[in-house]
């Protein structure tokens, strides 16, 4: 079994309240979880209005499959949010 994790940071300059940010995070995490068989959680910056930090983990049978899933998740995030992807870190175990 291969486990791949992704930690990414998004910048959403139009967000002006934590309530607005939480709505965006909840919507995005639900979409990712429902579309892909991965786990998603907000991992950092919970008290910052314009910064979103997500952790995503998938389990797969091969490295190629895990890489493909994470690549699709990244593309999905870029297509489904107006937030700018400013940093990402992948780790394979």
Protein backbone atom coordinates (compact mmCIF):
# COMPACT_ATOMS: atom_id res chain seq x y z
CA UNK A 1 0.00 0.00 0.00
CA UNK A 2 1.24 3.45 -0.97
CA UNK A 3 0.20 6.58 0.94
CA UNK A 4 0.66 10.03 -0.57
CA UNK A 5 0.02 13.26 1.25
CA UNK A 6 -0.38 16.77 -0.06
CA UNK A 7 -0.21 19.95 1.97
CA UNK A 8 -1.21 23.07 0.10
CA UNK A 9 -1.80 26.72 0.82
CA UNK A 10 -4.29 28.88 -0.99
CA UNK A 11 -4.59 32.67 -0.92
CA UNK A 12 -8.10 34.15 -1.14
CA UNK A 13 -7.76 37.96 -1.11
CA UNK A 14 -11.51 38.64 -1.31
CA UNK A 15 -12.27 36.89 2.02
CA UNK A 16 -12.92 39.37 4.83
CA UNK A 17 -14.29 37.20 7.64
CA UNK A 18 -13.68 33.82 9.20
CA UNK A 19 -17.30 32.87 8.51
CA UNK A 20 -16.81 33.50 4.79
CA UNK A 21 -13.53 31.55 4.84
CA UNK A 22 -15.11 28.59 6.64
CA UNK A 23 -17.88 28.44 4.03
CA UNK A 24 -15.25 28.28 1.27
CA UNK A 25 -13.17 25.66 3.10
CA UNK A 26 -16.20 23.49 3.89
CA UNK A 27 -17.45 23.65 0.31
CA UNK A 28 -14.04 22.83 -1.15
CA UNK A 29 -13.31 19.97 1.28
CA UNK A 30 -16.74 18.45 0.67
CA UNK A 31 -16.31 18.65 -3.11
CA UNK A 32 -12.86 17.05 -2.95
CA UNK A 33 -14.00 14.28 -0.58
CA UNK A 34 -17.07 13.50 -2.67
CA UNK A 35 -15.26 13.53 -6.01
CA UNK A 36 -12.13 11.60 -4.98
CA UNK A 37 -11.58 8.85 -2.45
CA UNK A 38 -9.25 10.97 -0.26
CA UNK A 39 -9.22 12.50 3.20
CA UNK A 40 -9.17 16.31 3.45
CA UNK A 41 -8.72 18.55 6.47
CA UNK A 42 -7.86 22.18 7.17
CA UNK A 43 -4.43 21.86 8.81
CA UNK A 44 -3.28 25.39 9.60
CA UNK A 45 -4.16 29.10 9.46
CA UNK A 46 -7.66 28.59 10.89
CA UNK A 47 -7.65 32.13 12.33
CA UNK A 48 -6.33 33.91 9.22
CA UNK A 49 -9.01 35.27 6.89
CA UNK A 50 -7.26 35.02 3.53
CA UNK A 51 -5.05 31.96 3.97
CA UNK A 52 -6.33 28.40 3.51
CA UNK A 53 -4.09 25.44 4.39
CA UNK A 54 -5.37 21.98 3.47
CA UNK A 55 -3.97 18.53 4.06
CA UNK A 56 -5.01 15.76 1.67
CA UNK A 57 -4.12 12.08 1.95
CA UNK A 58 -4.80 9.16 -0.37
CA UNK A 59 -4.02 5.44 -0.23
CA UNK A 60 -3.36 3.52 -3.44
CA UNK A 61 -1.99 0.25 -4.69
CA UNK A 62 0.91 1.79 -6.60
CA UNK A 63 2.99 4.94 -6.72
CA UNK A 64 1.68 5.80 -10.18
CA UNK A 65 -1.92 5.53 -9.00
CA UNK A 66 -1.26 7.70 -5.92
CA UNK A 67 0.51 10.33 -8.06
CA UNK A 68 -2.38 10.33 -10.51
CA UNK A 69 -4.96 10.82 -7.76
CA UNK A 70 -3.05 13.72 -6.21
CA UNK A 71 -2.45 15.30 -9.64
CA UNK A 72 -6.19 15.15 -10.32
CA UNK A 73 -6.97 16.64 -6.89
CA UNK A 74 -4.61 19.58 -7.56
CA UNK A 75 -6.19 20.20 -10.98
CA UNK A 76 -9.66 19.97 -9.41
CA UNK A 77 -8.76 22.55 -6.76
CA UNK A 78 -7.34 24.94 -9.35
CA UNK A 79 -10.52 24.62 -11.45
CA UNK A 80 -13.03 24.90 -8.59
CA UNK A 81 -11.80 27.86 -6.59
CA UNK A 82 -10.76 31.40 -7.35
CA UNK A 83 -8.11 31.22 -4.64
CA UNK A 84 -4.50 31.30 -5.76
CA UNK A 85 -2.40 28.20 -5.08
CA UNK A 86 0.73 29.64 -3.45
CA UNK A 87 2.49 26.57 -2.05
CA UNK A 88 2.25 22.82 -2.12
CA UNK A 89 4.23 19.96 -0.66
CA UNK A 90 3.84 16.31 -1.60
CA UNK A 91 5.13 13.34 0.34
CA UNK A 92 5.06 9.68 -0.64
CA UNK A 93 5.28 6.85 1.90
